[in-house]
Amino acid sequence: MSNEKLAIDGGKAVRSAGWPSRGLIGEEEKAAAMAMFDKAIKTGNAFGYGGEAEQQYEKDFAEFMGGGFADGVNSGTNAVFCALGALHLEPFSEVIIPAITDPGGAMPTVLVGCVPVVADTDEKSYNVGAAQIEAAITERTKAVVVAHIGGEPVDMDAVMALARKHNLYVVEDCAQAHGAKYKGKYVGSFGDIAAYSTMFGKHHCTGGQGGVVYTRNEELFWQAKRFADRGKPFNLDTASNVRAAINCNLNDLSATIGSAQLKKLVSIVARRRKVGETVKAELARKGSVVQVGVQEPETECSYWFLRLALDVAGLKVDKAAFCEALTAEGIPAGLSYRHIPAEAVWFKERVGLGNKGYPWTCSDYKGPREPQYRIDNAIKVTDKHFNIGIHEGCGEQEIADILAAIDKVEKAYRK
């Protein structure tokens, strides 16, 4: 293979077939949805939200997690929003957010009237580290959001020890980490409260969009549930709405899809792990210039994607050229995962609420008027790593093709 012409130079690609589809939605979800339609038609009553189907999905989710409480909401962004809302943070409190995360994991901090402060990633992954969180703590810090990016668990023991030391809430953003484990327990069960996205691209879905707020703290559960439904007085002895909030509800049709999906989640994660772990072991055995990114000890990644570190020192090309060649071989290689909120216009220009830089510029906020962030490590790790899009629809052939393509491109570009 060392003499084989690269596809990017006109040679035959390792893989000519397209990447397989996930096949996430099946007959089980269709049957569940149709049963709901049949009941609505028969009774003449439209399905809504908060009914038997949604309650069942929330019960199913909590049981999957090994206990606790779950509330279905209409997006992963609103799951983070409602998790923060459950904490009843005072306005202008500082909330530490990760340097690498989806916008939906960062923006809710501003929308609950608090100030986001960006903590850097650790030096080896896309995840925030405890040392980096500690460097961002001030007397105004009240909560920390940690995101398990790509299905890779954060070192939660270190984070929780730090949070206890400084009396901080911890919100786990598990949007990309359904079924991932840290020291034998599912992520989402370590912090005070957790948020999940169940949009169509995640490990399990509730249709096009959706989310879940999960906690083992019953009081936080009720506070989140009230915040997710216009302050309705759930579990309170009063008839009026008890706080200002918006409607973030899931719905019964989405929930019935979610319950069918949850039955598949263990299998979905297992198939993703087989791909990721096999590729990791083979690249390590070969001593390739490409290696699966370092993960925390005693963790089980659920592989929302495959994060790969590239050592360009021994190559004649840079990462961009390597990824371009890999893509030409039929492997979906993403050049960079530079999802850094601190680099976005809304963050840099303080476009939060209104046009005057709120909450940073409000006189009641006693912190810096300019957004605070540390992203040196985040830039370095995104510069060094690239991603391959794997999923539960991938199998032995995709594993073989990933390894063959990396080997082919590496041999062609070695110095």
Protein backbone atom coordinates (compact mmCIF):
# COMPACT_ATOMS: atom_id res chain seq x y z
CA MET A 1 0.00 0.00 0.00
CA SER A 2 2.98 2.33 0.49
CA ASN A 3 3.28 2.72 -3.28
CA GLU A 4 -0.44 3.14 -3.83
CA LYS A 5 -1.52 6.40 -5.42
CA LEU A 6 -3.74 8.55 -3.21
CA ALA A 7 -7.31 9.16 -4.35
CA ILE A 8 -6.71 12.90 -4.09
CA ASP A 9 -4.01 12.44 -6.76
CA GLY A 10 -6.21 10.34 -9.03
CA GLY A 11 -5.75 6.91 -7.47
CA LYS A 12 -8.45 4.48 -6.38
CA ALA A 13 -10.13 5.40 -3.10
CA VAL A 14 -10.09 2.99 -0.19
CA ARG A 15 -13.85 3.37 0.00
CA SER A 16 -16.07 4.04 -3.00
CA ALA A 17 -19.40 3.39 -1.27
CA GLY A 18 -21.02 6.20 0.67
CA TRP A 19 -20.86 6.29 4.44
CA PRO A 20 -23.71 4.22 5.94
CA SER A 21 -26.82 5.88 7.31
CA ARG A 22 -27.62 5.55 10.98
CA GLY A 23 -31.00 3.88 10.67
CA LEU A 24 -31.93 5.51 13.95
CA ILE A 25 -35.70 5.52 13.40
CA GLY A 26 -37.40 2.18 12.86
CA GLU A 27 -40.71 0.38 12.97
CA GLU A 28 -40.83 0.62 16.76
CA GLU A 29 -41.00 4.41 16.70
CA LYS A 30 -43.49 4.35 13.84
CA ALA A 31 -45.77 1.94 15.70
CA ALA A 32 -45.66 4.03 18.87
CA ALA A 33 -46.47 7.21 16.98
CA MET A 34 -49.25 5.61 14.97
CA ALA A 35 -50.83 4.23 18.13
CA MET A 36 -50.96 7.76 19.46
CA PHE A 37 -52.54 9.03 16.24
CA ASP A 38 -55.07 6.19 16.28
CA LYS A 39 -56.08 7.02 19.84
CA ALA A 40 -56.44 10.73 19.01
CA ILE A 41 -58.60 9.94 15.99
CA LYS A 42 -60.73 7.45 17.90
CA THR A 43 -61.33 9.72 20.89
CA GLY A 44 -61.40 13.00 19.01
CA ASN A 45 -58.90 14.42 21.50
CA ALA A 46 -55.60 15.73 20.19
CA PHE A 47 -52.47 14.58 21.96
CA GLY A 48 -50.75 17.35 23.87
CA TYR A 49 -47.99 17.51 26.45
CA GLY A 50 -47.49 16.34 30.01
CA GLY A 51 -49.74 13.35 29.43
CA GLU A 52 -49.19 9.63 29.92
CA ALA A 53 -46.66 9.37 27.09
CA GLU A 54 -44.45 12.17 28.37
CA GLN A 55 -44.67 10.94 31.94
CA GLN A 56 -43.68 7.47 30.74
CA TYR A 57 -40.69 8.79 28.84
CA GLU A 58 -39.52 10.74 31.87
CA LYS A 59 -39.91 7.60 34.00
CA ASP A 60 -38.04 5.55 31.41
CA PHE A 61 -35.21 8.07 31.27
CA ALA A 62 -34.82 8.17 35.05
CA GLU A 63 -34.83 4.37 35.19
CA PHE A 64 -32.13 4.25 32.50
CA MET A 65 -30.03 6.55 34.68
CA GLY A 66 -30.53 4.31 37.70
CA GLY A 67 -32.98 6.54 39.53
CA GLY A 68 -33.65 10.21 40.00
CA PHE A 69 -36.01 12.58 38.24
CA ALA A 70 -36.38 13.66 34.61
CA ASP A 71 -38.36 16.39 32.89
CA GLY A 72 -38.79 16.43 29.12
CA VAL A 73 -38.24 19.77 27.38
CA ASN A 74 -38.23 20.90 23.76
CA SER A 75 -34.49 21.24 23.03
CA GLY A 76 -31.05 20.65 24.47
CA THR A 77 -30.54 24.41 24.70
CA ASN A 78 -33.67 24.72 26.81
CA ALA A 79 -32.52 21.78 28.91
CA VAL A 80 -29.44 23.83 29.88
CA PHE A 81 -31.66 26.92 30.29
CA CYS A 82 -34.04 25.08 32.63
CA ALA A 83 -31.22 23.42 34.55
CA LEU A 84 -29.75 26.85 35.25
CA GLY A 85 -33.21 28.22 35.96
CA ALA A 86 -33.73 25.54 38.60
CA LEU A 87 -30.78 26.89 40.59
CA HIS A 88 -32.45 30.27 41.27
CA LEU A 89 -29.17 32.10 40.79
CA GLU A 90 -29.17 35.78 41.61
CA PRO A 91 -28.79 38.09 38.60
CA PHE A 92 -25.16 38.91 37.70
CA SER A 93 -23.85 35.75 39.30
CA GLU A 94 -20.95 34.36 37.31
CA VAL A 95 -21.36 30.96 35.71
CA ILE A 96 -18.25 29.22 34.41
CA ILE A 97 -18.80 27.66 31.00
CA PRO A 98 -16.49 25.46 28.91
CA ALA A 99 -14.24 26.88 26.22
CA ILE A 100 -15.48 24.33 23.69
CA THR A 101 -19.22 23.79 23.57
CA ASP A 102 -22.26 24.27 21.37
CA PRO A 103 -23.79 27.77 21.48
CA GLY A 104 -26.75 26.17 23.20
CA GLY A 105 -24.53 25.26 26.10
CA ALA A 106 -23.27 28.82 26.53
CA MET A 107 -26.08 31.25 25.72
CA PRO A 108 -28.55 30.15 28.43
CA THR A 109 -26.27 31.65 31.09
CA VAL A 110 -26.95 35.13 29.73
CA LEU A 111 -30.65 34.39 29.33
CA VAL A 112 -31.03 33.65 33.06
CA GLY A 113 -29.42 37.03 33.82
CA CYS A 114 -25.99 35.71 34.71
CA VAL A 115 -22.51 36.37 33.36
CA PRO A 116 -20.65 33.61 31.49
CA VAL A 117 -16.95 33.22 32.25
CA VAL A 118 -15.08 30.86 29.94
CA ALA A 119 -12.71 28.30 31.44
CA ASP A 120 -10.16 26.70 29.14
CA THR A 121 -10.04 23.05 28.17
CA ASP A 122 -7.48 20.74 29.65
CA GLU A 123 -4.38 20.18 27.51
CA LYS A 124 -5.38 16.85 26.01
CA SER A 125 -9.03 17.04 24.97
CA TYR A 126 -12.00 19.21 24.07
CA ASN A 127 -13.23 19.02 27.68
CA VAL A 128 -12.82 21.62 30.39
CA GLY A 129 -10.44 20.69 33.19
CA ALA A 130 -10.73 21.21 36.95
CA ALA A 131 -7.53 23.28 37.07
CA GLN A 132 -8.87 25.54 34.35
CA ILE A 133 -12.19 25.92 36.16
CA GLU A 134 -10.39 26.85 39.37
CA ALA A 135 -8.43 29.56 37.55
CA ALA A 136 -11.73 31.17 36.50
CA ILE A 137 -13.41 31.19 39.93
CA THR A 138 -14.07 34.55 41.60
CA GLU A 139 -16.11 35.64 44.60
CA ARG A 140 -19.01 36.10 42.15
CA THR A 141 -18.97 32.51 40.81
CA LYS A 142 -22.05 30.50 41.72
CA ALA A 143 -22.18 27.64 39.21
CA VAL A 144 -20.15 25.68 36.69
CA VAL A 145 -21.34 24.10 33.46
CA VAL A 146 -19.25 21.15 32.29
CA ALA A 147 -19.82 19.56 28.88
CA HIS A 148 -18.80 16.01 28.03
CA ILE A 149 -17.83 16.82 24.45
CA GLY A 150 -17.96 14.05 21.87
CA GLY A 151 -19.21 11.56 24.45
CA GLU A 152 -15.94 11.75 26.43
CA PRO A 153 -16.51 12.11 30.18
CA VAL A 154 -14.92 14.99 32.08
CA ASP A 155 -12.89 14.11 35.19
CA MET A 156 -15.91 14.57 37.44
CA ASP A 157 -14.26 13.65 40.76
CA ALA A 158 -11.89 16.59 40.38
CA VAL A 159 -14.68 18.92 39.29
CA MET A 160 -16.99 17.93 42.14
CA ALA A 161 -14.21 18.26 44.74
CA LEU A 162 -13.56 21.76 43.47
CA ALA A 163 -17.27 22.62 43.49
CA ARG A 164 -17.68 21.44 47.07
CA LYS A 165 -14.62 23.45 48.10
CA HIS A 166 -16.09 26.66 46.66
CA ASN A 167 -19.78 25.89 47.30
CA LEU A 168 -20.70 25.91 43.60
CA TYR A 169 -23.51 24.23 41.71
CA VAL A 170 -22.46 21.91 38.87
CA VAL A 171 -24.55 21.54 35.72
CA GLU A 172 -23.55 18.64 33.49
CA ASP A 173 -24.16 19.22 29.79
CA CYS A 174 -24.60 15.69 28.47
CA ALA A 175 -25.96 16.65 25.06
CA GLN A 176 -23.25 14.63 23.30
CA ALA A 177 -22.73 11.96 25.95
CA HIS A 178 -25.81 9.76 26.30
CA GLY A 179 -24.74 6.51 27.91
CA ALA A 180 -21.14 7.58 28.58
CA LYS A 181 -19.72 6.41 31.91
CA TYR A 182 -17.28 7.77 34.45
CA LYS A 183 -16.03 5.21 36.98
CA GLY A 184 -18.95 2.93 36.24
CA LYS A 185 -21.72 5.54 36.50
CA TYR A 186 -23.51 7.40 33.75
CA VAL A 187 -22.46 11.00 33.23
CA GLY A 188 -25.26 13.29 34.32
CA SER A 189 -25.45 11.65 37.73
CA PHE A 190 -22.48 13.47 39.30
CA GLY A 191 -23.43 17.14 39.23
CA ASP A 192 -26.39 18.81 40.88
CA ILE A 193 -28.41 18.75 37.68
CA ALA A 194 -27.86 17.70 34.07
CA ALA A 195 -29.08 18.62 30.60
CA TYR A 196 -29.48 16.38 27.56
CA SER A 197 -30.27 17.10 23.93
CA THR A 198 -32.53 14.62 22.16
CA MET A 199 -32.48 16.18 18.71
CA PHE A 200 -32.27 13.83 15.73
CA GLY A 201 -28.46 13.77 15.61
CA LYS A 202 -27.89 12.55 19.17
CA HIS A 203 -27.51 8.98 20.47
CA HIS A 204 -31.24 8.75 21.04
CA CYS A 205 -33.86 11.24 19.95
CA THR A 206 -37.41 12.40 20.55
CA GLY A 207 -37.92 13.29 16.90
CA GLY A 208 -36.52 16.44 15.31
CA GLN A 209 -35.83 18.27 18.56
CA GLY A 210 -36.08 17.72 22.28
CA GLY A 211 -34.21 17.59 25.56
CA VAL A 212 -34.24 16.30 29.11
CA VAL A 213 -33.40 17.87 32.45
CA TYR A 214 -32.22 15.21 34.89
CA THR A 215 -31.31 15.33 38.56
CA ARG A 216 -31.20 13.14 41.66
CA ASN A 217 -32.22 16.14 43.77
CA GLU A 218 -36.01 16.20 44.07
CA GLU A 219 -36.24 19.88 44.99
CA LEU A 220 -34.13 20.87 41.99
CA PHE A 221 -36.35 18.68 39.84
CA TRP A 222 -39.49 20.54 40.86
CA GLN A 223 -37.76 23.90 40.42
CA ALA A 224 -36.66 22.89 36.93
CA LYS A 225 -40.13 21.63 36.06
CA ARG A 226 -41.72 24.90 37.18
CA PHE A 227 -39.17 26.90 35.22
CA ALA A 228 -39.85 24.79 32.13
CA ASP A 229 -43.58 25.54 32.19
CA ARG A 230 -44.17 29.21 32.93
CA GLY A 231 -43.70 28.88 36.65
CA LYS A 232 -46.66 26.56 37.21
CA PRO A 233 -46.87 25.59 40.89
CA PHE A 234 -46.01 21.91 40.50
CA ASN A 235 -45.82 20.16 43.89
CA LEU A 236 -46.81 23.36 45.69
CA ASP A 237 -49.98 24.20 47.59
CA THR A 238 -50.88 27.29 45.60
CA ALA A 239 -53.03 28.02 42.58
CA SER A 240 -50.97 30.73 40.92
CA ASN A 241 -47.82 30.62 38.82
CA VAL A 242 -44.89 31.13 41.16
CA ARG A 243 -42.19 32.61 38.92
CA ALA A 244 -41.74 34.19 35.52
CA ALA A 245 -40.62 31.64 32.94
CA ILE A 246 -41.38 30.50 29.41
CA ASN A 247 -42.89 27.37 27.89
CA CYS A 248 -40.12 24.83 27.26
CA ASN A 249 -42.32 21.74 27.30
CA LEU A 250 -41.72 18.56 25.36
CA ASN A 251 -44.87 16.92 23.90
CA ASP A 252 -46.48 13.51 24.07
CA LEU A 253 -45.77 12.56 20.45
CA SER A 254 -42.06 13.32 20.85
CA ALA A 255 -42.03 11.50 24.18
CA THR A 256 -43.52 8.32 22.75
CA ILE A 257 -40.73 8.30 20.15
CA GLY A 258 -38.25 8.86 22.97
CA SER A 259 -39.48 5.86 24.96
CA ALA A 260 -39.03 3.61 21.93
CA GLN A 261 -35.57 5.07 21.38
CA LEU A 262 -34.46 4.52 24.97
CA LYS A 263 -34.96 0.78 24.56
CA LYS A 264 -32.24 0.89 21.89
CA LEU A 265 -29.80 3.20 23.64
CA VAL A 266 -27.60 0.56 25.30
CA SER A 267 -27.18 -1.18 21.95
CA ILE A 268 -26.56 2.12 20.13
CA VAL A 269 -23.80 3.10 22.54
CA ALA A 270 -22.28 -0.38 22.45
CA ARG A 271 -21.98 -0.31 18.66
CA ARG A 272 -20.43 3.15 18.69
CA ARG A 273 -17.98 2.04 21.37
CA LYS A 274 -16.96 -1.00 19.36
CA VAL A 275 -15.99 1.20 16.43
CA GLY A 276 -14.17 3.76 18.57
CA GLU A 277 -12.36 1.29 20.80
CA THR A 278 -11.28 -0.94 17.92
CA VAL A 279 -9.86 1.98 15.96
CA LYS A 280 -8.16 3.26 19.13
CA ALA A 281 -6.52 -0.08 19.85
CA GLU A 282 -5.35 -0.65 16.27
CA LEU A 283 -3.86 2.82 15.84
CA ALA A 284 -2.02 2.45 19.14
CA ARG A 285 -0.72 -0.97 18.14
CA LYS A 286 0.60 0.37 14.83
CA GLY A 287 2.17 3.46 16.38
CA SER A 288 0.45 5.62 13.79
CA VAL A 289 0.90 9.38 13.55
CA VAL A 290 -2.86 9.39 14.09
CA GLN A 291 -4.13 8.36 17.52
CA VAL A 292 -7.52 8.51 19.19
CA GLY A 293 -7.38 11.47 21.57
CA VAL A 294 -6.41 10.82 25.19
CA GLN A 295 -9.43 10.09 27.39
CA GLU A 296 -9.80 10.19 31.17
CA PRO A 297 -8.95 6.94 33.01
CA GLU A 298 -11.86 4.73 34.10
CA THR A 299 -14.23 6.20 31.53
CA GLU A 300 -16.38 4.72 28.80
CA CYS A 301 -16.81 7.07 25.87
CA SER A 302 -20.11 6.94 23.96
CA TYR A 303 -18.41 8.34 20.83
CA TRP A 304 -20.64 11.01 19.37
CA PHE A 305 -17.71 11.32 17.02
CA LEU A 306 -14.15 9.98 16.90
CA ARG A 307 -11.59 12.56 18.08
CA LEU A 308 -8.17 11.98 16.54
CA ALA A 309 -4.82 13.60 17.33
CA LEU A 310 -2.42 14.06 14.43
CA ASP A 311 1.34 14.33 14.91
CA VAL A 312 2.47 16.32 11.87
CA ALA A 313 6.15 16.35 12.89
CA GLY A 314 6.85 13.26 10.82
CA LEU A 315 4.75 14.31 7.84
CA LYS A 316 5.41 16.33 4.72
CA VAL A 317 1.96 17.99 4.95
CA ASP A 318 -0.15 19.81 7.49
CA LYS A 319 -3.38 18.66 9.10
CA ALA A 320 -5.58 20.28 6.45
CA ALA A 321 -3.86 18.40 3.64
CA PHE A 322 -3.94 15.14 5.59
CA CYS A 323 -7.69 15.46 6.25
CA GLU A 324 -8.38 16.42 2.64
CA ALA A 325 -6.58 13.28 1.46
CA LEU A 326 -8.40 11.15 4.04
CA THR A 327 -11.76 12.51 2.89
CA ALA A 328 -10.86 11.73 -0.72
CA GLU A 329 -10.34 8.11 0.39
CA GLY A 330 -14.02 8.02 1.42
CA ILE A 331 -13.66 8.71 5.14
CA PRO A 332 -15.68 11.64 6.61
CA ALA A 333 -12.86 13.60 8.25
CA GLY A 334 -13.77 16.94 9.80
CA LEU A 335 -10.81 19.31 9.83
CA SER A 336 -11.57 21.19 13.05
CA TYR A 337 -13.99 21.22 15.97
CA ARG A 338 -13.48 24.88 16.77
CA HIS A 339 -16.78 25.44 18.56
CA ILE A 340 -15.49 28.15 20.88
CA PRO A 341 -18.20 30.56 22.13
CA ALA A 342 -15.61 33.18 23.12
CA GLU A 343 -14.80 33.62 19.42
CA ALA A 344 -18.42 34.27 18.45
CA VAL A 345 -19.78 37.73 17.66
CA TRP A 346 -22.49 37.58 20.34
CA PHE A 347 -19.87 36.91 23.04
CA LYS A 348 -17.14 39.28 21.90
CA GLU A 349 -19.58 42.14 21.30
CA ARG A 350 -21.71 41.37 24.39
CA VAL A 351 -24.95 40.95 22.46
CA GLY A 352 -26.97 39.45 25.27
CA LEU A 353 -30.14 41.24 26.33
CA GLY A 354 -30.71 44.60 24.66
CA ASN A 355 -28.05 46.65 22.88
CA LYS A 356 -25.94 47.96 25.73
CA GLY A 357 -23.90 44.92 26.67
CA TYR A 358 -26.18 43.53 29.38
CA PRO A 359 -25.41 41.77 31.67
CA TRP A 360 -21.70 42.69 31.55
CA THR A 361 -22.24 46.45 31.54
CA CYS A 362 -24.97 46.69 34.16
CA SER A 363 -23.97 48.76 37.19
CA ASP A 364 -25.19 45.96 39.47
CA TYR A 365 -22.54 43.64 38.09
CA LYS A 366 -19.30 44.16 39.98
CA GLY A 367 -17.06 42.19 37.65
CA PRO A 368 -15.13 43.10 34.48
CA ARG A 369 -17.03 44.95 31.77
CA GLU A 370 -15.41 42.89 29.04
CA PRO A 371 -16.19 39.16 28.67
CA GLN A 372 -13.62 37.00 30.43
CA TYR A 373 -12.23 33.90 28.79
CA ARG A 374 -9.24 31.58 28.56
CA ILE A 375 -8.97 29.58 25.35
CA ASP A 376 -5.25 28.93 24.74
CA ASN A 377 -5.60 25.18 25.27
CA ALA A 378 -8.86 25.09 23.31
CA ILE A 379 -7.12 26.55 20.29
CA LYS A 380 -4.19 24.16 20.63
CA VAL A 381 -6.33 21.03 20.92
CA THR A 382 -8.56 21.99 17.99
CA ASP A 383 -5.46 22.75 15.93
CA LYS A 384 -4.01 19.33 16.75
CA HIS A 385 -7.12 17.18 16.45
CA PHE A 386 -9.62 16.29 13.76
CA ASN A 387 -12.83 14.25 13.91
CA ILE A 388 -14.27 11.32 12.00
CA GLY A 389 -18.04 10.98 12.03
CA ILE A 390 -18.84 7.50 13.32
CA HIS A 391 -22.17 6.16 14.55
CA GLU A 392 -24.04 2.99 15.42
CA GLY A 393 -24.63 2.23 11.72
CA CYS A 394 -20.90 1.71 11.23
CA GLY A 395 -19.52 -1.81 11.40
CA GLU A 396 -16.53 -3.98 10.58
CA GLN A 397 -16.20 -2.60 7.06
CA GLU A 398 -16.11 1.01 8.25
CA ILE A 399 -13.53 0.11 10.91
CA ALA A 400 -11.36 -1.55 8.28
CA ASP A 401 -11.75 1.36 5.88
CA ILE A 402 -10.89 3.99 8.49
CA LEU A 403 -7.72 2.11 9.41
CA ALA A 404 -6.77 1.41 5.79
CA ALA A 405 -7.30 5.01 4.73
CA ILE A 406 -5.26 6.40 7.62
CA ASP A 407 -2.47 3.93 6.87
CA LYS A 408 -2.50 4.77 3.15
CA VAL A 409 -2.42 8.53 3.66
CA GLU A 410 0.18 8.30 6.41
CA LYS A 411 2.56 6.22 4.27
CA ALA A 412 2.16 8.57 1.33
CA TYR A 413 2.93 11.69 3.40
CA ARG A 414 5.67 10.46 5.73
CA LYS A 415 8.94 12.35 5.50
